[in-house]
N, C-alpha and C. Protein backbone atom coordinates (compact mmCIF):
# COMPACT_ATOMS: atom_id res chain seq x y z
N GLN A 1 -9.99 -125.05 7.75
CA GLN A 1 -11.29 -124.92 7.09
C GLN A 1 -12.39 -124.87 8.14
N VAL A 2 -13.12 -123.76 8.16
CA VAL A 2 -14.22 -123.62 9.11
C VAL A 2 -15.45 -124.31 8.55
N GLN A 3 -16.09 -125.10 9.40
CA GLN A 3 -17.35 -125.75 9.02
C GLN A 3 -18.31 -125.71 10.18
N LEU A 4 -19.58 -125.46 9.86
CA LEU A 4 -20.66 -125.55 10.83
C LEU A 4 -21.60 -126.63 10.32
N VAL A 5 -21.80 -127.66 11.12
CA VAL A 5 -22.64 -128.78 10.71
C VAL A 5 -23.79 -128.92 11.69
N GLU A 6 -25.00 -128.76 11.17
CA GLU A 6 -26.20 -128.85 12.00
C GLU A 6 -26.80 -130.25 11.91
N SER A 7 -27.46 -130.65 12.97
CA SER A 7 -28.18 -131.91 12.98
C SER A 7 -29.36 -131.81 13.95
N GLY A 8 -30.30 -132.74 13.81
CA GLY A 8 -31.38 -132.84 14.77
C GLY A 8 -32.74 -132.35 14.31
N GLY A 9 -32.84 -131.84 13.11
CA GLY A 9 -34.14 -131.39 12.62
C GLY A 9 -35.05 -132.56 12.31
N GLY A 10 -36.31 -132.25 11.99
CA GLY A 10 -37.25 -133.29 11.64
C GLY A 10 -38.68 -132.84 11.79
N LEU A 11 -39.56 -133.83 11.78
CA LEU A 11 -41.00 -133.60 11.91
C LEU A 11 -41.43 -133.96 13.32
N VAL A 12 -42.19 -133.06 13.94
CA VAL A 12 -42.67 -133.31 15.31
C VAL A 12 -44.07 -132.76 15.44
N GLN A 13 -44.86 -133.36 16.32
CA GLN A 13 -46.22 -132.89 16.55
C GLN A 13 -46.21 -131.66 17.45
N PRO A 14 -47.24 -130.83 17.35
CA PRO A 14 -47.35 -129.69 18.27
C PRO A 14 -47.26 -130.15 19.73
N GLY A 15 -46.50 -129.40 20.52
CA GLY A 15 -46.28 -129.77 21.91
C GLY A 15 -45.08 -130.65 22.13
N GLY A 16 -44.50 -131.14 21.05
CA GLY A 16 -43.35 -132.02 21.14
C GLY A 16 -42.04 -131.28 21.30
N SER A 17 -40.94 -132.05 21.29
CA SER A 17 -39.60 -131.50 21.50
C SER A 17 -38.64 -131.97 20.42
N LEU A 18 -37.65 -131.15 20.16
CA LEU A 18 -36.53 -131.49 19.29
C LEU A 18 -35.28 -130.86 19.87
N ARG A 19 -34.14 -131.47 19.56
CA ARG A 19 -32.86 -130.93 20.00
C ARG A 19 -31.98 -130.78 18.76
N LEU A 20 -31.58 -129.54 18.48
CA LEU A 20 -30.68 -129.26 17.37
C LEU A 20 -29.26 -129.13 17.91
N SER A 21 -28.30 -129.59 17.11
CA SER A 21 -26.90 -129.45 17.47
C SER A 21 -26.14 -128.81 16.31
N CYS A 22 -25.16 -127.99 16.66
CA CYS A 22 -24.29 -127.36 15.67
C CYS A 22 -22.85 -127.60 16.11
N THR A 23 -22.11 -128.33 15.30
CA THR A 23 -20.70 -128.58 15.59
C THR A 23 -19.86 -127.63 14.75
N VAL A 24 -18.97 -126.92 15.44
CA VAL A 24 -18.15 -125.89 14.79
C VAL A 24 -16.70 -126.37 14.74
N SER A 25 -16.16 -126.51 13.55
CA SER A 25 -14.77 -126.92 13.39
C SER A 25 -13.97 -125.81 12.75
N GLY A 26 -12.65 -125.92 12.84
CA GLY A 26 -11.80 -124.91 12.22
C GLY A 26 -11.12 -123.98 13.20
N GLY A 27 -11.25 -124.30 14.48
CA GLY A 27 -10.49 -123.56 15.48
C GLY A 27 -11.10 -122.26 15.95
N ILE A 28 -12.37 -122.02 15.65
CA ILE A 28 -12.97 -120.75 16.02
C ILE A 28 -13.97 -120.86 17.17
N PHE A 29 -14.27 -122.08 17.60
CA PHE A 29 -15.40 -122.26 18.53
C PHE A 29 -15.25 -121.47 19.82
N SER A 30 -14.09 -121.55 20.44
CA SER A 30 -13.95 -120.99 21.79
C SER A 30 -14.16 -119.49 21.82
N GLY A 31 -13.86 -118.80 20.76
CA GLY A 31 -13.99 -117.35 20.74
C GLY A 31 -15.24 -116.83 20.05
N SER A 32 -16.12 -117.74 19.66
CA SER A 32 -17.28 -117.34 18.85
C SER A 32 -18.54 -117.14 19.67
N THR A 33 -19.34 -116.19 19.23
CA THR A 33 -20.75 -116.16 19.60
C THR A 33 -21.47 -117.04 18.58
N VAL A 34 -22.21 -118.02 19.09
CA VAL A 34 -22.91 -118.95 18.20
C VAL A 34 -24.41 -118.73 18.36
N GLY A 35 -25.08 -118.62 17.25
CA GLY A 35 -26.51 -118.37 17.28
C GLY A 35 -27.28 -119.32 16.39
N TRP A 36 -28.53 -119.50 16.73
CA TRP A 36 -29.46 -120.22 15.88
C TRP A 36 -30.45 -119.21 15.29
N TYR A 37 -30.60 -119.25 13.99
CA TYR A 37 -31.55 -118.42 13.27
C TYR A 37 -32.55 -119.34 12.57
N ARG A 38 -33.68 -118.77 12.16
CA ARG A 38 -34.63 -119.57 11.40
C ARG A 38 -35.27 -118.71 10.32
N GLN A 39 -35.69 -119.40 9.27
CA GLN A 39 -36.36 -118.71 8.18
C GLN A 39 -37.51 -119.57 7.69
N ALA A 40 -38.71 -119.01 7.83
CA ALA A 40 -39.90 -119.67 7.35
C ALA A 40 -40.19 -119.19 5.92
N PRO A 41 -40.93 -119.96 5.14
CA PRO A 41 -41.24 -119.55 3.77
C PRO A 41 -41.89 -118.18 3.72
N GLY A 42 -41.36 -117.32 2.88
CA GLY A 42 -41.92 -115.99 2.71
C GLY A 42 -41.57 -115.00 3.79
N LYS A 43 -40.73 -115.41 4.74
CA LYS A 43 -40.37 -114.53 5.85
C LYS A 43 -38.86 -114.31 5.87
N GLU A 44 -38.45 -113.26 6.58
CA GLU A 44 -37.03 -112.98 6.72
C GLU A 44 -36.41 -113.90 7.77
N ARG A 45 -35.11 -114.10 7.64
CA ARG A 45 -34.40 -114.88 8.64
C ARG A 45 -34.39 -114.10 9.95
N GLU A 46 -34.62 -114.80 11.05
CA GLU A 46 -34.67 -114.14 12.36
C GLU A 46 -33.82 -114.90 13.38
N LEU A 47 -33.31 -114.15 14.34
CA LEU A 47 -32.55 -114.76 15.43
C LEU A 47 -33.49 -115.50 16.36
N VAL A 48 -33.13 -116.74 16.69
CA VAL A 48 -33.89 -117.52 17.66
C VAL A 48 -33.23 -117.44 19.03
N ALA A 49 -31.93 -117.72 19.07
CA ALA A 49 -31.19 -117.69 20.33
C ALA A 49 -29.71 -117.63 20.01
N SER A 50 -28.94 -117.07 20.93
CA SER A 50 -27.51 -117.02 20.76
C SER A 50 -26.82 -117.19 22.11
N ILE A 51 -25.55 -117.58 22.06
CA ILE A 51 -24.76 -117.74 23.27
C ILE A 51 -23.35 -117.27 22.99
N THR A 52 -22.82 -116.43 23.86
CA THR A 52 -21.48 -115.90 23.67
C THR A 52 -20.43 -116.89 24.16
N SER A 53 -19.17 -116.55 23.92
CA SER A 53 -18.09 -117.42 24.39
C SER A 53 -18.07 -117.50 25.91
N GLY A 54 -18.60 -116.48 26.56
CA GLY A 54 -18.65 -116.48 28.01
C GLY A 54 -19.92 -117.09 28.59
N GLY A 55 -20.81 -117.54 27.70
CA GLY A 55 -22.02 -118.21 28.17
C GLY A 55 -23.23 -117.32 28.32
N TYR A 56 -23.13 -116.07 27.90
CA TYR A 56 -24.29 -115.18 27.97
C TYR A 56 -25.28 -115.57 26.88
N THR A 57 -26.55 -115.69 27.24
CA THR A 57 -27.57 -116.13 26.28
C THR A 57 -28.56 -115.02 25.96
N ASN A 58 -29.14 -115.14 24.78
CA ASN A 58 -30.14 -114.18 24.32
C ASN A 58 -31.19 -114.96 23.53
N TYR A 59 -32.47 -114.64 23.76
CA TYR A 59 -33.55 -115.37 23.11
C TYR A 59 -34.55 -114.42 22.46
N ALA A 60 -35.13 -114.85 21.37
CA ALA A 60 -36.27 -114.13 20.81
C ALA A 60 -37.44 -114.26 21.77
N ASP A 61 -38.26 -113.22 21.84
CA ASP A 61 -39.40 -113.26 22.76
C ASP A 61 -40.32 -114.44 22.47
N SER A 62 -40.42 -114.82 21.22
CA SER A 62 -41.35 -115.88 20.82
C SER A 62 -40.94 -117.27 21.33
N VAL A 63 -39.69 -117.42 21.76
CA VAL A 63 -39.23 -118.75 22.20
C VAL A 63 -38.83 -118.78 23.68
N LYS A 64 -38.85 -117.63 24.34
CA LYS A 64 -38.45 -117.59 25.75
C LYS A 64 -39.33 -118.53 26.58
N GLY A 65 -38.67 -119.30 27.42
CA GLY A 65 -39.39 -120.25 28.26
C GLY A 65 -39.62 -121.59 27.60
N ARG A 66 -39.38 -121.68 26.30
CA ARG A 66 -39.59 -122.95 25.58
C ARG A 66 -38.28 -123.52 25.03
N PHE A 67 -37.39 -122.64 24.61
CA PHE A 67 -36.12 -123.07 24.00
C PHE A 67 -34.97 -122.77 24.96
N THR A 68 -33.95 -123.62 24.93
CA THR A 68 -32.76 -123.41 25.73
C THR A 68 -31.53 -123.66 24.87
N ILE A 69 -30.62 -122.68 24.85
CA ILE A 69 -29.38 -122.82 24.10
C ILE A 69 -28.25 -123.09 25.09
N SER A 70 -27.30 -123.96 24.68
CA SER A 70 -26.20 -124.29 25.57
C SER A 70 -24.96 -124.62 24.75
N ARG A 71 -23.80 -124.47 25.40
CA ARG A 71 -22.53 -124.79 24.75
C ARG A 71 -21.94 -126.06 25.37
N ASP A 72 -21.31 -126.86 24.53
CA ASP A 72 -20.57 -128.04 24.97
C ASP A 72 -19.15 -127.88 24.44
N SER A 73 -18.27 -127.32 25.27
CA SER A 73 -16.92 -127.03 24.82
C SER A 73 -16.12 -128.28 24.50
N ALA A 74 -16.42 -129.39 25.14
CA ALA A 74 -15.71 -130.64 24.88
C ALA A 74 -15.98 -131.15 23.47
N LYS A 75 -17.15 -130.79 22.94
CA LYS A 75 -17.53 -131.26 21.61
C LYS A 75 -17.55 -130.14 20.57
N ASN A 76 -17.13 -128.93 20.98
CA ASN A 76 -17.19 -127.77 20.09
C ASN A 76 -18.56 -127.62 19.45
N SER A 77 -19.57 -127.75 20.27
CA SER A 77 -20.93 -127.70 19.73
C SER A 77 -21.84 -126.81 20.58
N VAL A 78 -22.89 -126.36 19.95
CA VAL A 78 -23.94 -125.60 20.60
C VAL A 78 -25.26 -126.33 20.33
N ASN A 79 -26.01 -126.52 21.39
CA ASN A 79 -27.28 -127.23 21.29
C ASN A 79 -28.44 -126.27 21.49
N LEU A 80 -29.54 -126.56 20.82
CA LEU A 80 -30.78 -125.82 21.01
C LEU A 80 -31.87 -126.82 21.36
N GLN A 81 -32.26 -126.83 22.63
CA GLN A 81 -33.35 -127.70 23.08
C GLN A 81 -34.66 -126.95 22.87
N MET A 82 -35.53 -127.54 22.08
CA MET A 82 -36.80 -126.88 21.75
C MET A 82 -37.95 -127.72 22.31
N ASN A 83 -38.68 -127.13 23.26
CA ASN A 83 -39.81 -127.80 23.88
C ASN A 83 -41.10 -127.05 23.55
N SER A 84 -42.22 -127.72 23.79
CA SER A 84 -43.54 -127.12 23.56
C SER A 84 -43.62 -126.49 22.17
N LEU A 85 -43.20 -127.23 21.19
CA LEU A 85 -43.13 -126.69 19.83
C LEU A 85 -44.52 -126.38 19.28
N LYS A 86 -44.56 -125.32 18.48
CA LYS A 86 -45.79 -124.84 17.87
C LYS A 86 -45.66 -124.87 16.35
N PRO A 87 -46.77 -124.93 15.64
CA PRO A 87 -46.68 -124.91 14.16
C PRO A 87 -45.91 -123.70 13.64
N GLU A 88 -46.00 -122.58 14.34
CA GLU A 88 -45.29 -121.38 13.88
C GLU A 88 -43.78 -121.47 14.08
N ASP A 89 -43.30 -122.51 14.72
CA ASP A 89 -41.86 -122.75 14.83
C ASP A 89 -41.31 -123.43 13.58
N THR A 90 -42.18 -123.83 12.69
CA THR A 90 -41.75 -124.48 11.45
C THR A 90 -40.90 -123.54 10.62
N ALA A 91 -39.71 -124.01 10.27
CA ALA A 91 -38.76 -123.18 9.51
C ALA A 91 -37.50 -124.00 9.23
N VAL A 92 -36.64 -123.44 8.40
CA VAL A 92 -35.28 -123.96 8.29
C VAL A 92 -34.46 -123.24 9.35
N TYR A 93 -33.76 -124.01 10.16
CA TYR A 93 -32.95 -123.47 11.25
C TYR A 93 -31.48 -123.49 10.83
N TYR A 94 -30.82 -122.34 11.00
CA TYR A 94 -29.43 -122.18 10.60
C TYR A 94 -28.56 -121.86 11.82
N CYS A 95 -27.39 -122.44 11.84
CA CYS A 95 -26.40 -122.13 12.86
C CYS A 95 -25.45 -121.06 12.32
N ASN A 96 -25.06 -120.14 13.18
CA ASN A 96 -24.16 -119.05 12.81
C ASN A 96 -23.07 -118.90 13.86
N ALA A 97 -21.85 -118.68 13.41
CA ALA A 97 -20.74 -118.41 14.32
C ALA A 97 -20.06 -117.12 13.87
N ARG A 98 -19.89 -116.21 14.80
CA ARG A 98 -19.24 -114.94 14.47
C ARG A 98 -18.31 -114.52 15.58
N GLY A 99 -17.32 -113.72 15.19
CA GLY A 99 -16.35 -113.23 16.15
C GLY A 99 -15.21 -112.57 15.42
N ALA A 100 -14.05 -112.59 16.03
CA ALA A 100 -12.86 -112.01 15.40
C ALA A 100 -11.66 -112.87 15.73
N ARG A 101 -10.79 -113.05 14.77
CA ARG A 101 -9.56 -113.82 14.97
C ARG A 101 -8.46 -113.13 14.18
N PHE A 102 -7.33 -112.95 14.84
CA PHE A 102 -6.20 -112.24 14.22
C PHE A 102 -6.65 -110.88 13.71
N ALA A 103 -7.50 -110.20 14.51
CA ALA A 103 -8.00 -108.85 14.23
C ALA A 103 -8.91 -108.78 13.01
N ARG A 104 -9.39 -109.93 12.56
CA ARG A 104 -10.30 -109.93 11.42
C ARG A 104 -11.63 -110.55 11.85
N ALA A 105 -12.71 -109.87 11.50
CA ALA A 105 -14.03 -110.38 11.84
C ALA A 105 -14.40 -111.55 10.94
N TYR A 106 -15.18 -112.48 11.48
CA TYR A 106 -15.68 -113.59 10.67
C TYR A 106 -17.16 -113.83 10.98
N ASP A 107 -17.81 -114.48 10.05
CA ASP A 107 -19.26 -114.70 10.14
C ASP A 107 -19.54 -115.91 9.25
N TYR A 108 -19.78 -117.06 9.88
CA TYR A 108 -19.99 -118.30 9.14
C TYR A 108 -21.37 -118.87 9.39
N TRP A 109 -21.90 -119.55 8.36
CA TRP A 109 -23.23 -120.14 8.45
C TRP A 109 -23.18 -121.64 8.13
N GLY A 110 -24.07 -122.37 8.76
CA GLY A 110 -24.27 -123.76 8.40
C GLY A 110 -25.24 -123.86 7.24
N GLN A 111 -25.50 -125.11 6.82
CA GLN A 111 -26.33 -125.34 5.63
C GLN A 111 -27.82 -125.33 5.94
N GLY A 112 -28.18 -125.41 7.21
CA GLY A 112 -29.58 -125.38 7.61
C GLY A 112 -30.16 -126.76 7.82
N THR A 113 -31.12 -126.83 8.73
CA THR A 113 -31.84 -128.07 8.99
C THR A 113 -33.33 -127.75 9.13
N GLN A 114 -34.17 -128.57 8.51
CA GLN A 114 -35.61 -128.30 8.49
C GLN A 114 -36.26 -128.78 9.77
N VAL A 115 -37.07 -127.92 10.36
CA VAL A 115 -37.92 -128.28 11.49
C VAL A 115 -39.37 -128.07 11.08
N THR A 116 -40.17 -129.11 11.16
CA THR A 116 -41.58 -129.02 10.80
C THR A 116 -42.42 -129.46 11.99
N VAL A 117 -43.32 -128.58 12.42
CA VAL A 117 -44.21 -128.88 13.54
C VAL A 117 -45.61 -128.99 12.98
N SER A 118 -46.12 -130.20 12.97
CA SER A 118 -47.42 -130.44 12.34
C SER A 118 -48.03 -131.73 12.88
N SER A 119 -49.35 -131.73 12.95
CA SER A 119 -50.06 -132.95 13.35
C SER A 119 -50.46 -133.77 12.13
């Protein structure tokens, strides 16, 4: 059973930091590209950052220099360190894992965690 469990969301003041974690179970972590997406009210879901199984990273322009994505293979988890947070970073953040196993593509999502940046 594949599961993606997110943690670390919450309320933070502008300029503050949060660290999100996504733990991936079900035997797919090592071969997956794992990404963090976010969706603000009234807006489409957008990619925030992703990291491939080989460690290649990709960031949205809006978060470059502020957010860092990393993999922890010992814990089957991907972390998103978010610094210098802005009110426009407020959204529900979702973890995604995609790849292929036994020649079949997969695409799994977590349940989401709320991040609110407000004074």
